[in-house]
C-alpha cells in the first residue's frame, strides 16, 4: 500500500448506535454526491433503508467526527468472506482535508488484521476522488466504458499492524470524547452567558428608570 499513514485525522469504528449520525451524514450529500457514492441515483427512502440495513456485526464502518459531532466522512467496508469492498463519502465542507485517505488507511489496516486477502473498489469512472485513492494506494485498476474496478492484495497482519489498529481505536475514542466534552462545555458557557444577560436586563432597566424618578421627586 503506497498511502502513507495519516495520523492527523482520527478515525473511529462505528456501531449500530451511530445510525442516526450516519443518516444525517448521507442526507447532507447532494444528489450528485450520492450518485457517485452508490453508482446510481438513489432516493431518500432507499438511502435511509441502506443505513438501516447495515450489518455492523458482519461489516466494518468507520467515521471521522467533526467539532460539532457530525460525521465529516464515512467508509463502509462490505465483507464477503476474505474479500472486502471499500466505499467512502466525505461531507461538503470537509473535502481536501485528507479524510478520505485516512478512512482508506483505516479500512486497509482493519482488512490486514481480519484475514481479508483482497480489497476492492467499484465506482463510476467520473468518481475522481475514489480514483485518486485507488491510484494512491497502488491498486490494480481495470477501466470499463463507464465503471472502474480496482483490486489490491492485502498481506496478513503482523504485531506492528495489530498494535497500530489498537492505538488508532484508542485515538478515535479519545478524539470523540474530547470533542464531546468541548461541545458540552461550550453549551454550558453559552447557557451561563445567556442567563447572565437575562439577569442584567432588569438591573439595567432599573438603573435607567432611577434618574427619572429622582427628577420627578425634585
N, C-alpha and C. Protein backbone atom coordinates (compact mmCIF):
# COMPACT_ATOMS: atom_id res chain seq x y z
N UNK A 1 0.84 -1.19 0.00
CA UNK A 1 0.00 0.00 0.00
C UNK A 1 0.87 1.23 0.00
N UNK A 2 0.69 2.14 -0.94
CA UNK A 2 1.56 3.31 -1.06
C UNK A 2 1.09 4.49 -0.21
N UNK A 3 -0.15 4.46 0.26
CA UNK A 3 -0.65 5.57 1.05
C UNK A 3 0.07 5.60 2.39
N UNK A 4 0.67 6.73 2.69
CA UNK A 4 1.36 6.88 3.97
C UNK A 4 0.33 7.01 5.08
N UNK A 5 0.72 6.60 6.28
CA UNK A 5 -0.17 6.68 7.43
C UNK A 5 -0.59 8.12 7.67
N UNK A 6 -1.88 8.32 7.85
CA UNK A 6 -2.42 9.64 8.11
C UNK A 6 -2.79 9.72 9.58
N UNK A 7 -1.93 10.35 10.36
CA UNK A 7 -2.12 10.35 11.80
C UNK A 7 -2.88 11.57 12.29
N UNK A 8 -3.06 12.57 11.43
CA UNK A 8 -3.68 13.81 11.88
C UNK A 8 -5.20 13.77 11.82
N UNK A 9 -5.78 12.70 11.28
CA UNK A 9 -7.23 12.57 11.18
C UNK A 9 -7.67 11.34 11.97
N UNK A 10 -8.15 11.51 13.20
CA UNK A 10 -8.59 10.36 13.99
C UNK A 10 -9.81 9.69 13.36
N UNK A 11 -9.76 8.37 13.26
CA UNK A 11 -10.85 7.58 12.66
C UNK A 11 -11.39 6.63 13.72
N UNK A 12 -12.70 6.55 13.81
CA UNK A 12 -13.34 5.68 14.81
C UNK A 12 -14.19 4.62 14.11
N UNK A 13 -14.11 3.38 14.58
CA UNK A 13 -15.00 2.35 14.05
C UNK A 13 -16.38 2.57 14.64
N UNK A 14 -17.40 2.60 13.78
CA UNK A 14 -18.76 2.92 14.21
C UNK A 14 -19.54 1.66 14.58
N UNK A 15 -20.65 1.88 15.26
CA UNK A 15 -21.51 0.79 15.71
C UNK A 15 -22.96 1.15 15.41
N UNK A 16 -23.87 0.24 15.73
CA UNK A 16 -25.29 0.47 15.46
C UNK A 16 -25.81 1.72 16.16
N UNK A 17 -25.19 2.09 17.26
CA UNK A 17 -25.61 3.29 18.00
C UNK A 17 -25.34 4.57 17.22
N UNK A 18 -24.57 4.47 16.13
CA UNK A 18 -24.24 5.65 15.31
C UNK A 18 -25.14 5.78 14.08
N UNK A 19 -26.21 5.01 14.00
CA UNK A 19 -27.06 5.07 12.80
C UNK A 19 -27.63 6.47 12.56
N UNK A 20 -28.05 7.15 13.62
CA UNK A 20 -28.62 8.49 13.46
C UNK A 20 -27.59 9.44 12.84
N UNK A 21 -26.35 9.35 13.30
CA UNK A 21 -25.28 10.19 12.74
C UNK A 21 -25.02 9.83 11.29
N UNK A 22 -25.11 8.55 10.95
CA UNK A 22 -24.93 8.12 9.57
C UNK A 22 -26.04 8.67 8.68
N UNK A 23 -27.28 8.62 9.16
CA UNK A 23 -28.39 9.18 8.38
C UNK A 23 -28.14 10.66 8.09
N UNK A 24 -27.77 11.39 9.13
CA UNK A 24 -27.52 12.83 8.97
C UNK A 24 -26.39 13.07 7.97
N UNK A 25 -25.35 12.26 8.04
CA UNK A 25 -24.23 12.42 7.11
C UNK A 25 -24.67 12.26 5.67
N UNK A 26 -25.37 11.17 5.37
CA UNK A 26 -25.76 10.92 3.98
C UNK A 26 -26.79 11.93 3.48
N UNK A 27 -27.59 12.45 4.38
CA UNK A 27 -28.59 13.45 3.97
C UNK A 27 -27.96 14.80 3.66
N UNK A 28 -26.71 15.02 4.08
CA UNK A 28 -26.03 16.27 3.73
C UNK A 28 -25.43 16.21 2.32
N UNK A 29 -25.36 15.02 1.74
CA UNK A 29 -24.76 14.87 0.41
C UNK A 29 -25.75 15.27 -0.68
N UNK A 30 -25.24 15.86 -1.73
CA UNK A 30 -26.08 16.24 -2.86
C UNK A 30 -26.46 15.01 -3.67
N UNK A 31 -27.41 15.18 -4.57
CA UNK A 31 -27.82 14.06 -5.43
C UNK A 31 -26.65 13.53 -6.26
N UNK A 32 -25.78 14.45 -6.71
CA UNK A 32 -24.62 14.03 -7.49
C UNK A 32 -23.62 13.28 -6.61
N UNK A 33 -23.43 13.75 -5.39
CA UNK A 33 -22.54 13.04 -4.45
C UNK A 33 -23.03 11.61 -4.22
N UNK A 34 -24.34 11.49 -4.03
CA UNK A 34 -24.93 10.17 -3.78
C UNK A 34 -24.82 9.27 -5.01
N UNK A 35 -24.98 9.86 -6.18
CA UNK A 35 -24.85 9.07 -7.41
C UNK A 35 -23.44 8.52 -7.55
N UNK A 36 -22.46 9.34 -7.24
CA UNK A 36 -21.07 8.89 -7.32
C UNK A 36 -20.77 7.85 -6.24
N UNK A 37 -21.35 8.03 -5.06
CA UNK A 37 -21.07 7.09 -3.97
C UNK A 37 -21.70 5.73 -4.22
N UNK A 38 -22.97 5.71 -4.71
CA UNK A 38 -23.70 4.45 -4.87
C UNK A 38 -23.80 3.99 -6.33
N UNK A 39 -23.21 4.77 -7.24
CA UNK A 39 -23.13 4.42 -8.66
C UNK A 39 -24.47 4.52 -9.39
N UNK A 40 -25.45 5.10 -8.75
CA UNK A 40 -26.75 5.31 -9.41
C UNK A 40 -27.52 6.34 -8.59
N UNK A 41 -28.56 6.89 -9.19
CA UNK A 41 -29.42 7.82 -8.47
C UNK A 41 -30.17 7.06 -7.39
N UNK A 42 -30.21 7.63 -6.20
CA UNK A 42 -30.83 6.95 -5.07
C UNK A 42 -31.79 7.89 -4.36
N UNK A 43 -32.98 7.41 -4.05
CA UNK A 43 -33.98 8.23 -3.38
C UNK A 43 -33.66 8.32 -1.89
N UNK A 44 -34.28 9.27 -1.21
CA UNK A 44 -34.06 9.42 0.23
C UNK A 44 -34.54 8.18 0.97
N UNK A 45 -35.66 7.62 0.54
CA UNK A 45 -36.19 6.41 1.20
C UNK A 45 -35.21 5.25 1.05
N UNK A 46 -34.65 5.08 -0.16
CA UNK A 46 -33.69 4.00 -0.39
C UNK A 46 -32.40 4.25 0.39
N UNK A 47 -32.02 5.52 0.51
CA UNK A 47 -30.82 5.87 1.26
C UNK A 47 -30.95 5.51 2.74
N UNK A 48 -32.10 5.87 3.32
CA UNK A 48 -32.34 5.57 4.73
C UNK A 48 -32.45 4.06 4.95
N UNK A 49 -33.01 3.37 3.96
CA UNK A 49 -33.11 1.90 4.05
C UNK A 49 -31.71 1.29 4.05
N UNK A 50 -30.82 1.85 3.24
CA UNK A 50 -29.44 1.37 3.21
C UNK A 50 -28.79 1.51 4.58
N UNK A 51 -28.95 2.68 5.21
CA UNK A 51 -28.34 2.91 6.53
C UNK A 51 -28.92 1.93 7.55
N UNK A 52 -30.23 1.74 7.50
CA UNK A 52 -30.88 0.84 8.47
C UNK A 52 -30.49 -0.62 8.26
N UNK A 53 -30.04 -0.95 7.05
CA UNK A 53 -29.72 -2.35 6.74
C UNK A 53 -28.26 -2.70 6.99
N UNK A 54 -27.44 -1.73 7.35
CA UNK A 54 -26.01 -2.02 7.58
C UNK A 54 -25.87 -3.02 8.73
N UNK A 55 -25.15 -4.08 8.47
CA UNK A 55 -24.91 -5.12 9.47
C UNK A 55 -23.55 -4.87 10.12
N UNK A 56 -23.57 -4.26 11.29
CA UNK A 56 -22.32 -3.90 11.96
C UNK A 56 -21.58 -5.11 12.52
N UNK A 57 -22.28 -6.23 12.64
CA UNK A 57 -21.62 -7.44 13.11
C UNK A 57 -20.81 -8.10 12.00
N UNK A 58 -21.26 -7.92 10.76
CA UNK A 58 -20.57 -8.52 9.61
C UNK A 58 -19.59 -7.55 8.97
N UNK A 59 -20.05 -6.35 8.69
CA UNK A 59 -19.23 -5.35 8.00
C UNK A 59 -18.49 -4.46 9.00
N UNK A 60 -17.63 -3.63 8.47
CA UNK A 60 -16.92 -2.64 9.29
C UNK A 60 -17.22 -1.25 8.72
N UNK A 61 -17.61 -0.34 9.58
CA UNK A 61 -17.93 1.03 9.18
C UNK A 61 -17.07 1.97 10.01
N UNK A 62 -16.46 2.94 9.34
CA UNK A 62 -15.56 3.87 10.01
C UNK A 62 -16.02 5.30 9.77
N UNK A 63 -15.75 6.17 10.74
CA UNK A 63 -16.16 7.54 10.60
C UNK A 63 -15.16 8.52 11.17
N UNK A 64 -15.23 9.74 10.67
CA UNK A 64 -14.46 10.86 11.20
C UNK A 64 -15.45 11.91 11.67
N UNK A 65 -15.41 12.24 12.95
CA UNK A 65 -16.34 13.21 13.52
C UNK A 65 -15.74 14.61 13.46
N UNK A 66 -16.60 15.60 13.16
CA UNK A 66 -16.14 16.98 13.16
C UNK A 66 -16.35 17.60 14.55
N UNK A 67 -16.06 18.88 14.70
CA UNK A 67 -16.13 19.53 16.00
C UNK A 67 -17.55 19.57 16.56
N UNK A 68 -18.55 19.51 15.67
CA UNK A 68 -19.93 19.52 16.12
C UNK A 68 -20.52 18.13 16.32
N UNK A 69 -19.66 17.11 16.28
CA UNK A 69 -20.03 15.69 16.44
C UNK A 69 -20.86 15.16 15.27
N UNK A 70 -20.77 15.83 14.13
CA UNK A 70 -21.36 15.29 12.91
C UNK A 70 -20.30 14.46 12.20
N UNK A 71 -20.73 13.54 11.36
CA UNK A 71 -19.78 12.70 10.62
C UNK A 71 -19.30 13.44 9.38
N UNK A 72 -18.02 13.82 9.41
CA UNK A 72 -17.42 14.51 8.27
C UNK A 72 -17.12 13.54 7.14
N UNK A 73 -16.86 12.28 7.48
CA UNK A 73 -16.57 11.27 6.48
C UNK A 73 -16.95 9.89 6.98
N UNK A 74 -17.34 9.03 6.04
CA UNK A 74 -17.77 7.67 6.39
C UNK A 74 -17.21 6.69 5.37
N UNK A 75 -16.71 5.57 5.85
CA UNK A 75 -16.26 4.48 4.98
C UNK A 75 -16.98 3.21 5.38
N UNK A 76 -17.51 2.50 4.39
CA UNK A 76 -18.19 1.22 4.62
C UNK A 76 -17.35 0.14 3.97
N UNK A 77 -16.92 -0.80 4.78
CA UNK A 77 -16.16 -1.95 4.29
C UNK A 77 -17.08 -3.16 4.29
N UNK A 78 -17.62 -3.46 3.11
CA UNK A 78 -18.53 -4.60 2.98
C UNK A 78 -17.74 -5.89 2.87
N UNK A 79 -17.97 -6.81 3.79
CA UNK A 79 -17.17 -8.04 3.85
C UNK A 79 -17.93 -9.22 3.28
N UNK A 80 -17.27 -9.97 2.41
CA UNK A 80 -17.80 -11.20 1.83
C UNK A 80 -16.70 -12.24 1.87
N UNK A 81 -16.67 -13.03 2.95
CA UNK A 81 -15.58 -13.98 3.12
C UNK A 81 -14.28 -13.26 3.34
N UNK A 82 -13.29 -13.56 2.47
CA UNK A 82 -11.99 -12.91 2.61
C UNK A 82 -11.82 -11.76 1.62
N UNK A 83 -12.95 -11.26 1.10
CA UNK A 83 -12.93 -10.13 0.17
C UNK A 83 -13.72 -8.98 0.79
N UNK A 84 -13.21 -7.75 0.63
CA UNK A 84 -13.87 -6.57 1.20
C UNK A 84 -14.00 -5.49 0.14
N UNK A 85 -15.19 -4.90 0.05
CA UNK A 85 -15.41 -3.77 -0.87
C UNK A 85 -15.41 -2.47 -0.07
N UNK A 86 -14.65 -1.50 -0.55
CA UNK A 86 -14.49 -0.23 0.12
C UNK A 86 -15.32 0.85 -0.56
N UNK A 87 -16.14 1.55 0.24
CA UNK A 87 -16.90 2.70 -0.25
C UNK A 87 -16.74 3.85 0.72
N UNK A 88 -16.65 5.07 0.21
CA UNK A 88 -16.38 6.21 1.09
C UNK A 88 -17.15 7.45 0.63
N UNK A 89 -17.47 8.30 1.59
CA UNK A 89 -18.11 9.58 1.29
C UNK A 89 -17.61 10.61 2.28
N UNK A 90 -17.43 11.84 1.80
CA UNK A 90 -16.98 12.94 2.65
C UNK A 90 -17.96 14.09 2.49
N UNK A 91 -18.38 14.66 3.61
CA UNK A 91 -19.40 15.71 3.60
C UNK A 91 -18.84 17.00 2.99
N UNK A 92 -19.70 17.78 2.33
CA UNK A 92 -19.26 19.08 1.82
C UNK A 92 -18.71 19.93 2.97
N UNK A 93 -17.69 20.68 2.68
CA UNK A 93 -17.07 21.50 3.72
C UNK A 93 -15.91 20.81 4.41
N UNK A 94 -15.76 19.51 4.16
CA UNK A 94 -14.66 18.77 4.78
C UNK A 94 -13.78 18.09 3.73
N UNK A 95 -13.98 18.42 2.48
CA UNK A 95 -13.18 17.81 1.43
C UNK A 95 -11.82 18.51 1.32
N UNK A 96 -10.82 17.75 0.90
CA UNK A 96 -9.49 18.31 0.82
C UNK A 96 -8.75 18.31 2.15
N UNK A 97 -9.30 17.63 3.14
CA UNK A 97 -8.67 17.58 4.47
C UNK A 97 -7.98 16.24 4.75
N UNK A 98 -7.94 15.37 3.75
CA UNK A 98 -7.29 14.08 3.94
C UNK A 98 -8.17 13.04 4.61
N UNK A 99 -9.47 13.32 4.71
CA UNK A 99 -10.38 12.41 5.41
C UNK A 99 -10.57 11.11 4.63
N UNK A 100 -10.76 11.21 3.32
CA UNK A 100 -10.94 10.00 2.51
C UNK A 100 -9.74 9.08 2.59
N UNK A 101 -8.54 9.67 2.53
CA UNK A 101 -7.31 8.88 2.61
C UNK A 101 -7.18 8.22 3.98
N UNK A 102 -7.51 8.97 5.04
CA UNK A 102 -7.43 8.42 6.40
C UNK A 102 -8.40 7.26 6.58
N UNK A 103 -9.59 7.39 6.01
CA UNK A 103 -10.58 6.32 6.10
C UNK A 103 -10.12 5.08 5.33
N UNK A 104 -9.51 5.30 4.18
CA UNK A 104 -8.99 4.15 3.42
C UNK A 104 -7.88 3.45 4.20
N UNK A 105 -6.97 4.23 4.75
CA UNK A 105 -5.87 3.64 5.50
C UNK A 105 -6.39 2.79 6.67
N UNK A 106 -7.43 3.31 7.36
CA UNK A 106 -8.00 2.57 8.49
C UNK A 106 -8.69 1.30 8.01
N UNK A 107 -9.37 1.36 6.86
CA UNK A 107 -10.03 0.18 6.31
C UNK A 107 -8.99 -0.86 5.88
N UNK A 108 -7.89 -0.42 5.31
CA UNK A 108 -6.81 -1.33 4.90
C UNK A 108 -6.20 -2.01 6.12
N UNK A 109 -5.99 -1.22 7.15
CA UNK A 109 -5.44 -1.74 8.41
C UNK A 109 -6.37 -2.80 9.01
N UNK A 110 -7.66 -2.51 9.00
CA UNK A 110 -8.65 -3.47 9.50
C UNK A 110 -8.61 -4.75 8.67
N UNK A 111 -8.53 -4.60 7.35
CA UNK A 111 -8.51 -5.76 6.46
C UNK A 111 -7.32 -6.67 6.76
N UNK A 112 -6.17 -6.09 6.96
CA UNK A 112 -4.98 -6.88 7.27
C UNK A 112 -5.19 -7.72 8.53
N UNK A 113 -5.77 -7.10 9.53
CA UNK A 113 -5.88 -7.75 10.84
C UNK A 113 -7.10 -8.66 10.98
N UNK A 114 -7.94 -8.73 9.93
CA UNK A 114 -9.13 -9.58 10.00
C UNK A 114 -9.20 -10.56 8.82
N UNK A 115 -8.04 -10.97 8.37
CA UNK A 115 -7.91 -12.05 7.38
C UNK A 115 -8.58 -11.76 6.04
N UNK A 116 -8.62 -10.49 5.68
CA UNK A 116 -9.09 -10.12 4.34
C UNK A 116 -7.90 -10.22 3.39
N UNK A 117 -8.08 -10.92 2.29
CA UNK A 117 -6.97 -11.09 1.34
C UNK A 117 -7.05 -10.13 0.15
N UNK A 118 -8.27 -9.66 -0.17
CA UNK A 118 -8.44 -8.76 -1.31
C UNK A 118 -9.34 -7.59 -0.95
N UNK A 119 -8.86 -6.40 -1.21
CA UNK A 119 -9.64 -5.18 -1.00
C UNK A 119 -9.95 -4.62 -2.38
N UNK A 120 -11.22 -4.35 -2.66
CA UNK A 120 -11.54 -3.83 -3.98
C UNK A 120 -12.49 -2.66 -3.93
N UNK A 121 -12.44 -1.88 -5.00
CA UNK A 121 -13.28 -0.69 -5.16
C UNK A 121 -14.01 -0.83 -6.48
N UNK A 122 -15.30 -0.52 -6.46
CA UNK A 122 -16.09 -0.48 -7.70
C UNK A 122 -16.76 0.88 -7.74
N UNK A 123 -16.48 1.66 -8.76
CA UNK A 123 -17.03 3.02 -8.80
C UNK A 123 -17.22 3.47 -10.24
N UNK A 124 -17.89 4.60 -10.40
CA UNK A 124 -18.06 5.20 -11.71
C UNK A 124 -16.74 5.84 -12.15
N UNK A 125 -16.52 5.87 -13.44
CA UNK A 125 -15.26 6.38 -13.98
C UNK A 125 -15.04 7.84 -13.62
N UNK A 126 -16.14 8.61 -13.47
CA UNK A 126 -16.00 10.03 -13.17
C UNK A 126 -15.84 10.33 -11.68
N UNK A 127 -15.79 9.28 -10.86
CA UNK A 127 -15.58 9.48 -9.43
C UNK A 127 -14.08 9.73 -9.19
N UNK A 128 -13.69 10.98 -9.37
CA UNK A 128 -12.26 11.33 -9.32
C UNK A 128 -11.66 11.11 -7.93
N UNK A 129 -12.45 11.36 -6.88
CA UNK A 129 -11.93 11.20 -5.52
C UNK A 129 -11.58 9.73 -5.25
N UNK A 130 -12.47 8.83 -5.65
CA UNK A 130 -12.20 7.40 -5.43
C UNK A 130 -11.07 6.92 -6.32
N UNK A 131 -11.02 7.39 -7.53
CA UNK A 131 -9.94 7.02 -8.44
C UNK A 131 -8.59 7.48 -7.88
N UNK A 132 -8.59 8.65 -7.27
CA UNK A 132 -7.35 9.17 -6.68
C UNK A 132 -6.87 8.27 -5.54
N UNK A 133 -7.81 7.84 -4.69
CA UNK A 133 -7.46 6.96 -3.57
C UNK A 133 -6.93 5.63 -4.10
N UNK A 134 -7.61 5.07 -5.10
CA UNK A 134 -7.20 3.77 -5.66
C UNK A 134 -5.79 3.84 -6.26
N UNK A 135 -5.52 4.90 -7.01
CA UNK A 135 -4.20 5.04 -7.63
C UNK A 135 -3.13 5.26 -6.56
N UNK A 136 -3.46 6.08 -5.57
CA UNK A 136 -2.51 6.39 -4.50
C UNK A 136 -2.18 5.14 -3.68
N UNK A 137 -3.18 4.23 -3.57
CA UNK A 137 -2.98 3.00 -2.81
C UNK A 137 -2.25 1.94 -3.61
N UNK A 138 -2.03 2.18 -4.90
CA UNK A 138 -1.34 1.20 -5.72
C UNK A 138 -2.23 0.05 -6.15
N UNK A 139 -3.54 0.30 -6.25
CA UNK A 139 -4.47 -0.74 -6.65
C UNK A 139 -4.32 -1.06 -8.14
N UNK A 140 -4.64 -2.28 -8.49
CA UNK A 140 -4.69 -2.69 -9.90
C UNK A 140 -6.03 -2.25 -10.44
N UNK A 141 -6.01 -1.33 -11.39
CA UNK A 141 -7.24 -0.70 -11.88
C UNK A 141 -7.62 -1.24 -13.25
N UNK A 142 -8.90 -1.62 -13.38
CA UNK A 142 -9.45 -2.09 -14.66
C UNK A 142 -10.54 -1.11 -15.07
N UNK A 143 -10.31 -0.45 -16.22
CA UNK A 143 -11.25 0.56 -16.70
C UNK A 143 -12.24 -0.06 -17.68
N UNK A 144 -13.51 0.31 -17.49
CA UNK A 144 -14.56 -0.07 -18.43
C UNK A 144 -15.07 1.21 -19.07
N UNK A 145 -16.11 1.11 -19.88
CA UNK A 145 -16.64 2.29 -20.55
C UNK A 145 -17.11 3.34 -19.54
N UNK A 146 -17.82 2.90 -18.51
CA UNK A 146 -18.36 3.86 -17.54
C UNK A 146 -17.98 3.54 -16.11
N UNK A 147 -17.44 2.34 -15.87
CA UNK A 147 -17.16 1.93 -14.50
C UNK A 147 -15.70 1.53 -14.33
N UNK A 148 -15.31 1.45 -13.08
CA UNK A 148 -13.93 1.11 -12.74
C UNK A 148 -13.94 0.05 -11.64
N UNK A 149 -13.07 -0.93 -11.78
CA UNK A 149 -12.82 -1.88 -10.71
C UNK A 149 -11.35 -1.80 -10.35
N UNK A 150 -11.07 -1.75 -9.06
CA UNK A 150 -9.70 -1.70 -8.60
C UNK A 150 -9.51 -2.72 -7.49
N UNK A 151 -8.43 -3.48 -7.56
CA UNK A 151 -8.17 -4.53 -6.59
C UNK A 151 -6.80 -4.35 -5.95
N UNK A 152 -6.68 -4.79 -4.72
CA UNK A 152 -5.41 -4.76 -4.03
C UNK A 152 -5.27 -5.99 -3.15
N UNK A 153 -4.14 -6.70 -3.32
CA UNK A 153 -3.87 -7.84 -2.45
C UNK A 153 -3.49 -7.32 -1.06
N UNK A 154 -4.09 -7.89 -0.03
CA UNK A 154 -3.86 -7.44 1.34
C UNK A 154 -3.00 -8.48 2.07
N UNK A 155 -1.82 -8.09 2.53
CA UNK A 155 -0.97 -9.04 3.26
C UNK A 155 -1.55 -9.30 4.65
N UNK A 156 -1.21 -10.42 5.25
CA UNK A 156 -1.72 -10.72 6.59
C UNK A 156 -1.17 -9.74 7.63
N UNK A 157 -1.90 -9.62 8.73
CA UNK A 157 -1.47 -8.74 9.79
C UNK A 157 -0.23 -9.26 10.49
N UNK A 158 0.44 -8.34 11.18
CA UNK A 158 1.62 -8.70 11.97
C UNK A 158 1.54 -7.94 13.29
N UNK A 159 2.46 -8.19 14.22
CA UNK A 159 2.39 -7.48 15.51
C UNK A 159 2.31 -5.96 15.37
N UNK A 160 3.03 -5.40 14.40
CA UNK A 160 3.01 -3.95 14.22
C UNK A 160 1.63 -3.46 13.79
N UNK A 161 0.97 -4.20 12.86
CA UNK A 161 -0.35 -3.77 12.38
C UNK A 161 -1.41 -3.93 13.46
N UNK A 162 -1.29 -4.97 14.28
CA UNK A 162 -2.24 -5.15 15.38
C UNK A 162 -2.10 -4.03 16.41
N UNK A 163 -0.86 -3.67 16.70
CA UNK A 163 -0.62 -2.58 17.65
C UNK A 163 -1.13 -1.26 17.11
N UNK A 164 -0.91 -1.04 15.81
CA UNK A 164 -1.35 0.21 15.18
C UNK A 164 -2.87 0.32 15.22
N UNK A 165 -3.56 -0.77 14.94
CA UNK A 165 -5.02 -0.74 14.97
C UNK A 165 -5.52 -0.48 16.39
N UNK A 166 -4.91 -1.10 17.36
CA UNK A 166 -5.28 -0.88 18.76
C UNK A 166 -5.12 0.59 19.14
N UNK A 167 -3.99 1.18 18.77
CA UNK A 167 -3.74 2.58 19.09
C UNK A 167 -4.69 3.51 18.34
N UNK A 168 -4.96 3.19 17.08
CA UNK A 168 -5.88 4.01 16.29
C UNK A 168 -7.28 4.00 16.90
N UNK A 169 -7.72 2.85 17.39
CA UNK A 169 -9.03 2.76 18.04
C UNK A 169 -9.07 3.66 19.27
N UNK A 170 -7.99 3.65 20.06
CA UNK A 170 -7.96 4.46 21.27
C UNK A 170 -7.92 5.95 20.93
N UNK A 171 -7.17 6.30 19.90
CA UNK A 171 -7.10 7.70 19.48
C UNK A 171 -8.47 8.18 19.00
N UNK A 172 -9.17 7.32 18.24
CA UNK A 172 -10.51 7.68 17.77
C UNK A 172 -11.48 7.90 18.91
N UNK A 173 -11.44 7.03 19.92
CA UNK A 173 -12.31 7.17 21.09
C UNK A 173 -11.97 8.43 21.88
N UNK A 174 -10.67 8.68 22.05
CA UNK A 174 -10.24 9.88 22.78
C UNK A 174 -10.68 11.15 22.06
N UNK A 175 -10.52 11.14 20.73
CA UNK A 175 -10.91 12.30 19.93
C UNK A 175 -12.40 12.60 20.08
N UNK A 176 -13.24 11.55 20.03
CA UNK A 176 -14.68 11.74 20.18
C UNK A 176 -15.02 12.25 21.58
N UNK A 177 -14.38 11.68 22.60
CA UNK A 177 -14.63 12.11 23.98
C UNK A 177 -14.23 13.57 24.18
N UNK A 178 -13.09 13.95 23.61
CA UNK A 178 -12.61 15.32 23.75
C UNK A 178 -13.55 16.31 23.07
N UNK A 179 -14.00 15.97 21.87
CA UNK A 179 -14.93 16.85 21.15
C UNK A 179 -16.27 16.93 21.87
N UNK A 180 -16.72 15.81 22.45
CA UNK A 180 -17.98 15.80 23.20
C UNK A 180 -17.89 16.70 24.42
N UNK A 181 -16.75 16.62 25.15
CA UNK A 181 -16.56 17.45 26.34
C UNK A 181 -16.48 18.92 25.97
N UNK A 182 -15.79 19.21 24.88
CA UNK A 182 -15.67 20.61 24.44
C UNK A 182 -17.03 21.17 24.06
N UNK A 183 -17.82 20.36 23.35
CA UNK A 183 -19.15 20.81 22.94
C UNK A 183 -20.04 21.04 24.15
N UNK A 184 -19.96 20.13 25.14
CA UNK A 184 -20.76 20.27 26.36
C UNK A 184 -20.34 21.51 27.13
N UNK A 185 -19.01 21.74 27.23
CA UNK A 185 -18.51 22.92 27.95
C UNK A 185 -18.95 24.21 27.26
N UNK A 186 -18.94 24.20 25.93
CA UNK A 186 -19.37 25.39 25.18
C UNK A 186 -20.85 25.64 25.38
N UNK A 187 -21.66 24.56 25.44
CA UNK A 187 -23.09 24.70 25.66
C UNK A 187 -23.36 25.29 27.05
N UNK A 188 -22.60 24.83 28.05
CA UNK A 188 -22.76 25.36 29.41
C UNK A 188 -22.36 26.83 29.46
N UNK A 189 -21.24 27.18 28.80
CA UNK A 189 -20.78 28.56 28.78
C UNK A 189 -21.80 29.47 28.09
N UNK A 190 -22.38 29.00 26.99
CA UNK A 190 -23.40 29.78 26.28
C UNK A 190 -24.64 29.97 27.14
N UNK A 191 -25.03 28.90 27.87
CA UNK A 191 -26.20 28.99 28.74
C UNK A 191 -25.96 29.97 29.87
N UNK A 192 -24.76 29.94 30.44
CA UNK A 192 -24.43 30.85 31.54
C UNK A 192 -24.39 32.30 31.05
N UNK A 193 -23.85 32.50 29.85
CA UNK A 193 -23.80 33.85 29.28
C UNK A 193 -25.20 34.39 29.01
N UNK A 194 -26.07 33.50 28.51
CA UNK A 194 -27.46 33.90 28.24
C UNK A 194 -28.19 34.23 29.53
N UNK A 195 -27.94 33.41 30.58
CA UNK A 195 -28.58 33.65 31.87
C UNK A 195 -28.11 34.96 32.47
N UNK A 196 -26.81 35.23 32.38
CA UNK A 196 -26.27 36.48 32.91
C UNK A 196 -26.84 37.68 32.16
N UNK A 197 -26.99 37.53 30.84
CA UNK A 197 -27.55 38.61 30.03
C UNK A 197 -29.00 38.88 30.40
N UNK A 198 -29.75 37.79 30.65
CA UNK A 198 -31.15 37.92 31.03
C UNK A 198 -31.29 38.61 32.39
N UNK A 199 -30.44 38.23 33.32
CA UNK A 199 -30.49 38.81 34.67
C UNK A 199 -30.07 40.28 34.67
N UNK A 200 -29.23 40.66 33.72
CA UNK A 200 -28.75 42.04 33.69
C UNK A 200 -29.79 43.01 33.17
N UNK A 201 -30.76 42.53 32.40
CA UNK A 201 -31.77 43.42 31.82
C UNK A 201 -32.61 44.15 32.87
N UNK A 202 -33.15 43.46 33.87
CA UNK A 202 -33.93 44.18 34.89
C UNK A 202 -33.10 45.22 35.62
N UNK A 203 -31.83 44.91 35.89
CA UNK A 203 -30.98 45.86 36.59
C UNK A 203 -30.73 47.10 35.74
N UNK A 204 -30.52 46.86 34.41
CA UNK A 204 -30.30 47.99 33.51
C UNK A 204 -31.54 48.86 33.41
N UNK A 205 -32.73 48.22 33.36
CA UNK A 205 -33.98 48.98 33.30
C UNK A 205 -34.18 49.78 34.57
N UNK A 206 -33.83 49.17 35.71
CA UNK A 206 -33.99 49.85 36.98
C UNK A 206 -33.07 51.05 37.08
N UNK A 207 -31.81 50.87 36.58
CA UNK A 207 -30.85 51.96 36.61
C UNK A 207 -31.27 53.10 35.70
N UNK A 208 -31.85 52.72 34.51
CA UNK A 208 -32.31 53.76 33.59
C UNK A 208 -33.51 54.51 34.14
N UNK A 209 -34.33 53.83 34.93
CA UNK A 209 -35.54 54.45 35.47
C UNK A 209 -35.31 55.29 36.70
N UNK A 210 -34.20 55.07 37.41
CA UNK A 210 -33.93 55.75 38.67
C UNK A 210 -33.77 57.26 38.50
N UNK A 211 -32.99 57.75 37.52
CA UNK A 211 -32.84 59.21 37.37
C UNK A 211 -34.16 59.91 37.11
N UNK A 212 -35.04 59.25 36.32
CA UNK A 212 -36.34 59.85 36.02
C UNK A 212 -37.16 60.04 37.28
N UNK A 213 -37.11 59.04 38.17
CA UNK A 213 -37.85 59.14 39.43
C UNK A 213 -37.28 60.23 40.30
N UNK A 214 -35.94 60.41 40.30
CA UNK A 214 -35.30 61.43 41.09
C UNK A 214 -35.72 62.82 40.62
N UNK A 215 -35.82 62.97 39.24
CA UNK A 215 -36.24 64.26 38.68
C UNK A 215 -37.67 64.58 39.05
N UNK A 216 -38.55 63.54 39.02
CA UNK A 216 -39.94 63.80 39.37
C UNK A 216 -40.07 64.18 40.85
N UNK A 217 -39.25 63.56 41.68
CA UNK A 217 -39.29 63.87 43.10
C UNK A 217 -38.83 65.30 43.37
N UNK A 218 -37.86 65.77 42.58
CA UNK A 218 -37.36 67.13 42.75
C UNK A 218 -38.37 68.15 42.29
